[in-house]
Structure formats: structure tokens, C-alpha cells
Amino acid sequence: MKKKRITAILSLLLVLLINASVLAAPAASNPAEPSINGLSAITIDLETNEIIYEKSIDQKMYPASTTKLLTALLLAESKKKTDLLTYTASAKSQPEFSMNLNLKPIAVGETMSAKDVMLGLLLYSGNDAAYMAADNVSGNNTAFMAKMNEKIASLGLKGTHFVTPNGLHDANHYTTAYDLSIIGKAAFANEWVREAMGTKQATITTSGGASMLVENRNKLLGLDGCIGGKTGYTSNAGKCLVAVYERDGRKILGVVLSSVYDAEDTFVFNDMKEIIDYSYAMKQTTLHAADSVVKTEKITYKPLLIMGPEKTLDVPLIAKTDVKYYENDVNKTELKETYKLNDIKLSTLTGSKSIATMTVTVRDSVQNYEVFSSLSVFDLVKANILFYAGLLAGLAILIAIIVIIIKKIRGGRRRGRGRTYYY
């Protein structure tokens, strides 16, 4: 007997020690937030639109040649690859870097395929290629500027205004890291633009016989999952970069604005690598744990389901899965939860079916979760016990009255049969 007690005590101590070690085990932690040279930056999940990393994402900045992503998108939406575009006077007048000045002279009136113009625009980042696209799409830069800002408005962007198709400095030509991520996403969604920004090098030709080898200025392309992007630089804008990555089937887009220019041209690319690696390693924070109450909703329903009086009941709502988000200042400040109730039935009130949809939004990110009532049939009966008791009492009285009436009727019939009548 004594041995059994000692064994039981030792077993209990062992269980406690195991549980203590589990509780003491350190939880998986997120990586330290990177320190980058860029004054503004963002990463977003391309499938969910969730903001993962953010730094001054709504501050107005100069985009330099990352502007050409929007120019490329408008070119792709207006022309076919085989269309011939004319080299214009405004294209000829552009400073370096331009195909005409830095590669081979191109005469006004020469033509190039739209495919080659796109490659000159996104790989070489030719300033003249941007004006060539603008003039051939809209007739002149003024009309193309209007087209650019119409597209910006259609994307719902509030912090962007473009003046030139190539992004050369203008005080009225600006964007934000957040807006540029939306422009970058829209450009990447276009098959032609996506194909061009992911091309490392190509040869382009003109009708005048010029043949030019152009190489992508994005040094990250092809490394660590980088599948596309666009560089940019002016002295006012600093080094800028938009890049798209894919790792294990998941795509993340990054933007870095106003980074440092260095002799080896590495800082902006290092900035991008830092925020992309951080974003892939980042784990979401649990906003609501599975099976926890996310909200208590006042529900009006009929205890008799389809008839009778209505009653209001506080119903705790639970999510069956974890509700998670990326914890950063923007998400914590702007995150909103809304609820849309389904038709109220017995199956929804007792949690057999979803009672509502919970929508979690932050800007363009919209996540939907089905939520359920945590009430049981017993809870409903308990909440309406007086009503159901009164109902049963009323039914009992009604039945009793009916029985009495039936008995009286039957008794009257018997008395009627027993009478003798004389004539």
C-alpha cells in the first residue's frame, strides 16, 4: 500500500515537471524588425493584400523611374506586342539614361515594336522609351499625364500624382510607398508587363537597323526568389526599388523609396533583401484564438421559430479557427471588424451552422471568417424557461377545458338517450 502511494506521488510530480517544462519552453518569436536606409518602405502579401512590413508608408515621396511601371501598364493595356511605335521628337529630347544617347542614335520617325519599347522601358529604364510609349498611346505627354492620373484614381490611390511618364524630377510628381505597392501589384498582374520585368536581358531593334542589347537594372532578379521589379534613381528621389518575390508558392511585393546611393549601388538592394527576408520569416499574431468569443451580439428571434412573440438574447459568437494578422503600427491602428448576420434559425442559434460572417479589414486587405453561436439547445431552453413553462401551462389548461367540454357533450348525449317520450 505504501509503495502504491509513493508511486502515485512520484507520477504526479513527473506530470507537474513535464507541464512546467512545456510552460517554460520559449514561444517562437518573430525576427527583429530590420533597420534600413530607405526613408519609406512596405511589403505586402500579393494574395491577401496584407501589409507585413511598413515604414512611413503614407509619406509623399518622389518615385523616380519606378513611375515606369504605370507607363508600362498603360502601354500594355493600349497596344499589342506587334504594334509598331514611332520614335518621337519628345522621346529624342530626353536626357540620359536613354536608348538614343547611351546605346545607339535613333532618328525621329523610326519605329520599334511595342514589345521592344516595353523592354527598353523596363529593362534599360530608357527615359526616351517612356516618352515614346506616352506619345504613341495618347498623342502627347499632356494627354498621357491625364491618362496616368485617371488610372491612379481608378486604383483608389489618394497620395499619388504623376506628371511625367519616366519619373524625372518634378515637384508635382509624387507617390507613397503604399500607393506604389498597389501600382506595382496592378502592373505585375498584367501578363505582358510581368514577363518584361522578369526578363534579364534582351536585344531590341529599330526600323533604322539599330540593334541594342539591354540588361535589367534590378540586381536582385533571379536571386532568392526575386521574379520581377523596377529600379529608380534621381538626386531628389534617392534610390528607389519595387521588387516581387516568390518563395514556396507565396508572392510578396516590396517597395523601398529614398534609399542611399553608394558607389557600388548596393544599399537599396540590401534594404529590399532585409525587408523581404523579414516578411517571409514574420509570423502572424493571434487576434482571436479558435473557439474564443469574438463578439457578443444581440439577436432577436422567435422562441417558437416561425410564430409567436419575439425575444432578444445576448449571443456569444465564436470563430472555429484562429483569427490572425500581421502586427505593425498600421494594422493595429486601422484594423476593423464587422459582422453580417445570417438568417436566424434554430441551427444557427445553437451553433450547428454559421450564424454570421466576421470581416477583418485593413485598407485593401479583406479577410472573412465564419463565426458560430456558442449557445446550446439547453441554453435556449433555459433562457426561455418561463415562456415555455407558461406555454405548457396554457396548453394544459386548454387541453383540460377541451376534455371537460367533451365530457359534458358526451354526458348530455347519454341523458338524451335515457328519456321516454309519450304521445
Protein backbone atom coordinates (compact mmCIF):
# COMPACT_ATOMS: atom_id res chain seq x y z
CA MET A 1 0.00 0.00 0.00
CA LYS A 2 2.84 2.29 0.96
CA LYS A 3 4.64 1.55 -2.32
CA LYS A 4 1.48 2.40 -4.30
CA ARG A 5 1.25 5.78 -2.58
CA ILE A 6 4.90 6.56 -3.28
CA THR A 7 4.41 5.56 -6.94
CA ALA A 8 1.33 7.80 -7.21
CA ILE A 9 3.17 10.75 -5.68
CA LEU A 10 6.17 10.28 -7.99
CA SER A 11 3.88 10.03 -11.02
CA LEU A 12 2.13 13.26 -10.01
CA LEU A 13 5.48 15.04 -9.60
CA LEU A 14 6.59 13.78 -13.02
CA VAL A 15 3.43 15.13 -14.64
CA LEU A 16 3.92 18.50 -12.94
CA LEU A 17 7.55 18.66 -14.07
CA ILE A 18 6.59 17.85 -17.66
CA ASN A 19 3.87 20.51 -17.68
CA ALA A 20 6.24 23.03 -16.12
CA SER A 21 8.84 22.36 -18.80
CA VAL A 22 6.22 22.82 -21.52
CA LEU A 23 5.08 26.10 -19.99
CA ALA A 24 8.66 27.27 -19.62
CA ALA A 25 9.55 26.47 -23.24
CA PRO A 26 10.12 29.73 -25.14
CA ALA A 27 7.47 30.60 -27.71
CA ALA A 28 8.51 31.00 -31.32
CA SER A 29 9.44 34.67 -31.76
CA ASN A 30 9.40 36.94 -34.76
CA PRO A 31 12.65 38.26 -36.19
CA ALA A 32 13.87 41.69 -35.17
CA GLU A 33 12.48 44.46 -37.35
CA PRO A 34 15.10 45.45 -39.93
CA SER A 35 16.84 48.80 -39.88
CA ILE A 36 17.05 50.08 -43.45
CA ASN A 37 18.44 53.15 -45.20
CA GLY A 38 15.26 53.82 -47.18
CA LEU A 39 13.09 56.54 -45.65
CA SER A 40 9.89 54.77 -46.68
CA ALA A 41 9.16 51.10 -47.38
CA ILE A 42 6.46 48.45 -47.42
CA THR A 43 5.88 44.78 -48.12
CA ILE A 44 2.51 43.26 -48.96
CA ASP A 45 1.26 39.72 -49.49
CA LEU A 46 0.14 39.70 -53.12
CA GLU A 47 -2.65 37.19 -52.50
CA THR A 48 -4.23 38.70 -49.38
CA ASN A 49 -3.05 42.35 -49.69
CA GLU A 50 -1.93 42.22 -46.06
CA ILE A 51 0.70 44.75 -45.04
CA ILE A 52 3.57 42.83 -43.43
CA TYR A 53 6.32 45.44 -43.07
CA GLU A 54 5.76 49.18 -43.04
CA LYS A 55 7.84 52.30 -42.63
CA SER A 56 6.29 55.73 -43.28
CA ILE A 57 4.11 54.18 -45.98
CA ASP A 58 1.86 57.24 -46.43
CA GLN A 59 4.63 59.83 -46.65
CA LYS A 60 4.75 61.51 -50.05
CA MET A 61 7.97 60.67 -51.87
CA TYR A 62 9.47 61.02 -55.35
CA PRO A 63 9.30 57.70 -57.25
CA ALA A 64 11.91 58.32 -59.99
CA SER A 65 11.84 55.57 -62.64
CA THR A 66 9.55 53.25 -60.67
CA THR A 67 6.97 55.51 -62.36
CA LYS A 68 7.61 53.45 -65.47
CA LEU A 69 5.60 50.57 -64.00
CA LEU A 70 2.44 52.61 -64.56
CA THR A 71 3.64 53.72 -68.02
CA ALA A 72 4.26 50.06 -68.88
CA LEU A 73 0.81 49.04 -67.65
CA LEU A 74 -0.91 51.70 -69.77
CA LEU A 75 1.18 50.66 -72.79
CA ALA A 76 0.17 47.02 -72.28
CA GLU A 77 -3.48 47.96 -71.94
CA SER A 78 -3.43 50.10 -75.09
CA LYS A 79 -1.20 48.25 -77.56
CA LYS A 80 -0.30 44.77 -78.77
CA LYS A 81 3.28 43.48 -78.73
CA THR A 82 3.43 43.51 -82.54
CA ASP A 83 2.22 47.11 -82.94
CA LEU A 84 4.82 49.48 -84.41
CA LEU A 85 5.51 52.60 -82.36
CA THR A 86 7.13 55.74 -83.76
CA TYR A 87 10.17 57.40 -82.19
CA THR A 88 9.04 60.97 -81.47
CA ALA A 89 10.71 64.33 -81.01
CA SER A 90 9.85 64.42 -77.30
CA ALA A 91 11.48 60.99 -76.91
CA LYS A 92 14.58 62.24 -78.75
CA SER A 93 14.87 65.20 -76.36
CA GLN A 94 15.10 63.09 -73.19
CA PRO A 95 18.34 63.11 -71.18
CA GLU A 96 20.28 60.03 -70.13
CA PHE A 97 19.66 57.34 -69.40
CA SER A 98 18.03 56.95 -72.80
CA MET A 99 18.46 54.46 -75.61
CA ASN A 100 19.22 57.25 -78.08
CA LEU A 101 22.04 58.80 -76.03
CA ASN A 102 23.51 55.85 -74.18
CA LEU A 103 23.10 52.95 -76.62
CA LYS A 104 22.69 53.92 -80.29
CA PRO A 105 21.30 57.01 -82.02
CA ILE A 106 17.68 56.74 -83.05
CA ALA A 107 16.17 59.10 -85.59
CA VAL A 108 12.77 60.72 -85.14
CA GLY A 109 10.31 58.74 -87.27
CA GLU A 110 11.99 55.38 -86.83
CA THR A 111 9.76 52.62 -85.50
CA MET A 112 10.07 49.84 -82.95
CA SER A 113 7.71 47.09 -81.95
CA ALA A 114 5.70 47.74 -78.80
CA LYS A 115 7.36 44.64 -77.33
CA ASP A 116 10.82 46.21 -77.79
CA VAL A 117 9.65 49.55 -76.39
CA MET A 118 8.40 47.70 -73.30
CA LEU A 119 11.81 46.03 -72.89
CA GLY A 120 13.61 49.34 -73.34
CA LEU A 121 11.28 50.83 -70.74
CA LEU A 122 11.52 48.17 -68.01
CA LEU A 123 14.95 46.60 -68.50
CA TYR A 124 17.10 49.52 -69.60
CA SER A 125 14.77 52.10 -67.99
CA GLY A 126 15.11 54.34 -71.04
CA ASN A 127 13.72 57.81 -70.46
CA ASP A 128 13.07 58.10 -74.18
CA ALA A 129 11.23 54.76 -74.23
CA ALA A 130 8.76 56.21 -71.68
CA TYR A 131 8.01 59.25 -73.87
CA MET A 132 7.81 57.02 -76.94
CA ALA A 133 5.13 54.97 -75.13
CA ALA A 134 3.29 58.08 -73.94
CA ASP A 135 3.21 59.76 -77.37
CA ASN A 136 2.06 56.61 -79.17
CA VAL A 137 -0.62 55.77 -76.61
CA SER A 138 -2.09 59.25 -76.05
CA GLY A 139 -0.62 61.53 -78.75
CA ASN A 140 1.39 63.70 -76.35
CA ASN A 141 2.65 63.80 -72.79
CA THR A 142 -0.14 66.09 -71.53
CA ALA A 143 -2.83 63.65 -72.62
CA PHE A 144 -0.81 60.74 -71.25
CA MET A 145 -0.42 62.52 -67.91
CA ALA A 146 -4.21 62.73 -67.70
CA LYS A 147 -4.43 59.03 -68.52
CA MET A 148 -1.93 58.19 -65.79
CA ASN A 149 -3.86 60.11 -63.16
CA GLU A 150 -7.15 58.57 -64.29
CA LYS A 151 -5.59 55.16 -63.72
CA ILE A 152 -4.29 56.27 -60.34
CA ALA A 153 -7.80 57.37 -59.36
CA SER A 154 -9.30 54.09 -60.58
CA LEU A 155 -6.92 52.24 -58.26
CA GLY A 156 -8.27 54.30 -55.35
CA LEU A 157 -4.94 55.97 -54.59
CA LYS A 158 -5.01 59.24 -52.65
CA GLY A 159 -1.33 60.07 -52.23
CA THR A 160 -0.12 59.91 -55.83
CA HIS A 161 0.04 62.39 -58.70
CA PHE A 162 2.15 61.80 -61.81
CA VAL A 163 3.34 64.39 -64.32
CA THR A 164 5.88 62.58 -66.50
CA PRO A 165 5.89 59.04 -67.95
CA ASN A 166 9.52 58.44 -66.94
CA GLY A 167 9.62 59.88 -63.41
CA LEU A 168 12.28 62.55 -63.96
CA HIS A 169 12.02 65.03 -61.13
CA ASP A 170 9.04 67.34 -60.86
CA ALA A 171 7.78 68.75 -57.56
CA ASN A 172 4.24 67.73 -58.52
CA HIS A 173 5.24 64.17 -59.38
CA TYR A 174 4.98 62.07 -56.22
CA THR A 175 3.63 58.91 -54.66
CA THR A 176 3.77 56.94 -51.39
CA ALA A 177 5.21 53.53 -50.64
CA TYR A 178 1.70 52.20 -50.08
CA ASP A 179 0.33 53.65 -53.34
CA LEU A 180 3.34 52.41 -55.30
CA SER A 181 2.77 48.90 -53.92
CA ILE A 182 -0.74 49.00 -55.40
CA ILE A 183 0.60 50.27 -58.73
CA GLY A 184 3.27 47.56 -58.65
CA LYS A 185 0.68 44.90 -57.94
CA ALA A 186 -1.52 46.10 -60.83
CA ALA A 187 1.48 46.12 -63.19
CA PHE A 188 2.58 42.64 -62.09
CA ALA A 189 -0.93 41.32 -62.66
CA ASN A 190 -0.59 42.19 -66.36
CA GLU A 191 0.96 39.21 -68.17
CA TRP A 192 2.97 41.28 -70.65
CA VAL A 193 4.39 43.62 -68.01
CA ARG A 194 5.14 40.70 -65.69
CA GLU A 195 7.01 38.91 -68.45
CA ALA A 196 9.07 42.01 -69.30
CA MET A 197 10.02 42.91 -65.71
CA GLY A 198 11.17 39.34 -65.18
CA THR A 199 13.46 39.34 -68.25
CA LYS A 200 17.19 39.61 -67.51
CA GLN A 201 18.38 40.74 -70.93
CA ALA A 202 17.10 41.14 -74.48
CA THR A 203 18.03 42.56 -77.87
CA ILE A 204 15.83 45.29 -79.30
CA THR A 205 15.91 46.71 -82.82
CA THR A 206 14.67 49.74 -84.72
CA SER A 207 13.45 50.11 -88.28
CA GLY A 208 16.66 52.05 -88.99
CA GLY A 209 18.71 48.92 -88.36
CA ALA A 210 19.95 49.71 -84.83
CA SER A 211 20.32 46.65 -82.61
CA MET A 212 20.76 47.15 -78.87
CA LEU A 213 21.39 44.72 -76.02
CA VAL A 214 19.54 45.81 -72.88
CA GLU A 215 20.05 44.32 -69.42
CA ASN A 216 17.75 44.50 -66.42
CA ARG A 217 18.97 47.04 -63.83
CA ASN A 218 17.36 45.06 -61.00
CA LYS A 219 20.40 43.31 -59.45
CA LEU A 220 18.17 41.08 -57.34
CA LEU A 221 16.38 39.48 -60.28
CA GLY A 222 16.76 35.70 -60.15
CA LEU A 223 18.22 35.72 -56.63
CA ASP A 224 16.44 34.31 -53.57
CA GLY A 225 13.12 34.17 -55.40
CA CYS A 226 13.07 37.65 -56.97
CA ILE A 227 10.92 37.35 -60.11
CA GLY A 228 10.50 40.97 -61.18
CA GLY A 229 10.68 44.62 -60.29
CA LYS A 230 11.73 48.11 -61.29
CA THR A 231 14.58 50.35 -60.18
CA GLY A 232 14.65 54.14 -59.98
CA TYR A 233 17.00 56.98 -59.15
CA THR A 234 17.22 60.76 -59.26
CA SER A 235 19.16 63.01 -56.92
CA ASN A 236 15.87 64.23 -55.43
CA ALA A 237 14.25 60.80 -55.12
CA GLY A 238 17.28 58.83 -54.00
CA LYS A 239 17.46 55.14 -54.80
CA CYS A 240 14.07 53.51 -55.30
CA LEU A 241 13.06 49.92 -55.93
CA VAL A 242 9.95 47.83 -56.43
CA ALA A 243 10.52 44.07 -56.33
CA VAL A 244 8.33 40.96 -56.43
CA TYR A 245 9.39 37.70 -54.80
CA GLU A 246 8.05 34.17 -54.83
CA ARG A 247 9.12 31.58 -52.27
CA ASP A 248 7.32 28.27 -51.76
CA GLY A 249 4.40 29.48 -53.85
CA ARG A 250 3.88 32.67 -51.83
CA LYS A 251 4.37 36.05 -53.51
CA ILE A 252 5.39 39.20 -51.62
CA LEU A 253 5.89 42.64 -53.19
CA GLY A 254 8.28 45.14 -51.65
CA VAL A 255 8.83 48.87 -52.14
CA VAL A 256 11.79 50.93 -50.92
CA LEU A 257 11.88 54.69 -51.52
CA SER A 258 14.58 57.28 -50.89
CA SER A 259 17.39 54.92 -50.04
CA VAL A 260 21.05 55.88 -50.18
CA TYR A 261 23.11 56.00 -53.36
CA ASP A 262 26.52 54.43 -52.91
CA ALA A 263 29.39 53.88 -55.32
CA GLU A 264 28.74 50.15 -55.53
CA ASP A 265 24.97 50.66 -55.84
CA THR A 266 24.10 48.15 -53.13
CA PHE A 267 22.19 49.93 -50.35
CA VAL A 268 18.71 49.89 -51.89
CA PHE A 269 19.08 46.23 -52.88
CA ASN A 270 20.24 45.36 -49.36
CA ASP A 271 17.26 47.27 -47.98
CA MET A 272 14.93 45.22 -50.14
CA LYS A 273 16.54 41.93 -49.16
CA GLU A 274 16.23 42.86 -45.48
CA ILE A 275 12.52 43.63 -45.58
CA ILE A 276 11.70 40.67 -47.84
CA ASP A 277 13.57 38.17 -45.65
CA TYR A 278 11.89 39.69 -42.60
CA SER A 279 8.46 39.43 -44.23
CA TYR A 280 8.84 35.77 -45.14
CA ALA A 281 10.02 34.97 -41.60
CA MET A 282 7.30 37.04 -39.92
CA LYS A 283 4.59 35.10 -38.10
CA GLN A 284 1.08 36.43 -37.65
CA THR A 285 -0.24 37.50 -34.26
CA THR A 286 -3.45 35.90 -33.00
CA LEU A 287 -6.24 38.44 -32.78
CA HIS A 288 -8.84 35.87 -31.65
CA ALA A 289 -7.95 32.31 -30.68
CA ALA A 290 -10.03 29.46 -32.07
CA ASP A 291 -13.22 28.80 -30.06
CA SER A 292 -12.88 32.07 -28.13
CA VAL A 293 -15.67 34.64 -28.02
CA VAL A 294 -15.04 37.30 -30.67
CA LYS A 295 -18.19 39.31 -30.00
CA THR A 296 -21.48 39.18 -28.15
CA GLU A 297 -24.36 40.05 -30.45
CA LYS A 298 -27.95 40.93 -29.52
CA ILE A 299 -30.09 38.56 -31.55
CA THR A 300 -33.84 38.95 -31.99
CA TYR A 301 -35.63 35.68 -32.66
CA LYS A 302 -38.90 33.84 -32.10
CA PRO A 303 -38.81 31.11 -29.42
CA LEU A 304 -41.42 29.25 -31.49
CA LEU A 305 -39.19 29.70 -34.56
CA ILE A 306 -41.81 30.85 -37.09
CA MET A 307 -44.61 32.28 -34.98
CA GLY A 308 -45.37 33.90 -31.69
CA PRO A 309 -43.64 36.78 -29.87
CA GLU A 310 -40.05 37.88 -30.49
CA LYS A 311 -37.30 37.83 -27.89
CA THR A 312 -33.84 39.46 -27.72
CA LEU A 313 -30.94 37.40 -26.46
CA ASP A 314 -27.21 38.13 -25.99
CA VAL A 315 -25.44 35.50 -28.07
CA PRO A 316 -21.66 34.96 -27.69
CA LEU A 317 -20.07 34.42 -31.12
CA ILE A 318 -17.00 32.23 -31.60
CA ALA A 319 -14.65 31.57 -34.52
CA LYS A 320 -13.71 27.95 -35.14
CA THR A 321 -10.23 28.91 -36.38
CA ASP A 322 -7.60 31.38 -35.20
CA VAL A 323 -8.11 34.92 -36.49
CA LYS A 324 -4.65 36.32 -37.19
CA TYR A 325 -2.98 39.45 -38.53
CA TYR A 326 0.49 40.91 -39.02
CA GLU A 327 1.26 43.14 -36.07
CA ASN A 328 2.55 46.54 -37.11
CA ASP A 329 1.52 50.11 -36.38
CA VAL A 330 -0.67 50.48 -39.47
CA ASN A 331 -2.56 47.22 -38.92
CA LYS A 332 -3.05 47.85 -35.20
CA THR A 333 -4.41 51.34 -35.89
CA GLU A 334 -6.61 50.63 -38.90
CA LEU A 335 -7.85 47.08 -38.31
CA LYS A 336 -11.66 46.88 -38.31
CA GLU A 337 -14.04 44.03 -37.58
CA THR A 338 -17.56 43.94 -38.98
CA TYR A 339 -20.25 41.28 -38.69
CA LYS A 340 -23.04 40.29 -41.06
CA LEU A 341 -25.72 38.05 -39.55
CA ASN A 342 -27.15 35.11 -41.47
CA ASP A 343 -30.81 34.08 -41.29
CA ILE A 344 -31.60 33.27 -37.68
CA LYS A 345 -32.73 29.68 -37.33
CA LEU A 346 -32.53 27.03 -34.62
CA SER A 347 -29.45 25.56 -36.34
CA THR A 348 -27.65 28.93 -36.26
CA LEU A 349 -28.70 29.80 -32.72
CA THR A 350 -27.35 26.50 -31.40
CA GLY A 351 -24.08 26.62 -33.38
CA SER A 352 -24.84 23.85 -35.85
CA LYS A 353 -24.39 26.31 -38.71
CA SER A 354 -22.64 29.66 -39.06
CA ILE A 355 -24.62 32.50 -37.55
CA ALA A 356 -22.59 35.34 -39.09
CA THR A 357 -19.58 36.33 -41.19
CA MET A 358 -16.85 38.32 -39.50
CA THR A 359 -14.85 40.54 -41.87
CA VAL A 360 -11.44 41.82 -40.81
CA THR A 361 -10.18 44.70 -42.98
CA VAL A 362 -7.09 46.86 -43.20
CA ARG A 363 -7.07 49.02 -46.33
CA ASP A 364 -7.11 46.62 -49.30
CA SER A 365 -6.84 43.51 -47.15
CA VAL A 366 -10.19 41.79 -46.52
CA GLN A 367 -10.33 38.51 -44.55
CA ASN A 368 -13.62 36.69 -43.94
CA TYR A 369 -14.29 34.20 -41.13
CA GLU A 370 -17.42 32.21 -40.36
CA VAL A 371 -18.49 32.61 -36.73
CA PHE A 372 -20.88 30.49 -34.72
CA SER A 373 -23.20 30.81 -31.75
CA SER A 374 -21.77 29.26 -28.60
CA LEU A 375 -25.27 28.52 -27.25
CA SER A 376 -26.66 25.00 -26.92
CA VAL A 377 -30.26 23.79 -27.07
CA PHE A 378 -30.16 23.65 -23.28
CA ASP A 379 -29.08 27.32 -23.14
CA LEU A 380 -32.03 28.33 -25.33
CA VAL A 381 -34.48 26.34 -23.22
CA LYS A 382 -33.02 27.85 -20.05
CA ALA A 383 -33.24 31.39 -21.45
CA ASN A 384 -36.93 30.82 -22.29
CA ILE A 385 -37.93 28.60 -19.37
CA LEU A 386 -40.68 30.94 -18.14
CA PHE A 387 -42.05 31.37 -21.64
CA TYR A 388 -42.06 27.63 -22.33
CA ALA A 389 -43.48 26.89 -18.84
CA GLY A 390 -46.26 29.39 -19.42
CA LEU A 391 -46.87 27.92 -22.83
CA LEU A 392 -47.08 24.38 -21.43
CA ALA A 393 -49.39 25.56 -18.62
CA GLY A 394 -51.62 27.27 -21.15
CA LEU A 395 -51.68 24.14 -23.30
CA ALA A 396 -52.53 22.05 -20.23
CA ILE A 397 -55.40 24.36 -19.32
CA LEU A 398 -56.62 24.35 -22.91
CA ILE A 399 -56.50 20.57 -23.01
CA ALA A 400 -58.33 20.38 -19.68
CA ILE A 401 -61.05 22.68 -20.95
CA ILE A 402 -61.40 20.63 -24.11
CA VAL A 403 -61.66 17.44 -22.05
CA ILE A 404 -64.34 18.96 -19.82
CA ILE A 405 -66.32 20.14 -22.82
CA ILE A 406 -66.07 16.74 -24.46
CA LYS A 407 -67.26 15.05 -21.24
CA LYS A 408 -70.22 17.39 -20.95
CA ILE A 409 -71.19 16.75 -24.53
CA ARG A 410 -70.99 13.00 -24.07
CA GLY A 411 -72.92 13.21 -20.78
CA GLY A 412 -75.68 15.19 -22.42
CA ARG A 413 -75.97 12.59 -25.18
CA ARG A 414 -76.34 9.77 -22.64
CA ARG A 415 -79.09 11.60 -20.74
CA GLY A 416 -80.87 12.24 -24.04
CA ARG A 417 -80.90 8.53 -24.87
CA GLY A 418 -82.39 7.54 -21.47
CA ARG A 419 -85.58 9.66 -21.68
CA THR A 420 -89.07 8.13 -22.57
CA TYR A 421 -91.49 10.15 -24.58
CA TYR A 422 -95.38 9.59 -24.55
CA TYR A 423 -97.72 10.72 -27.25
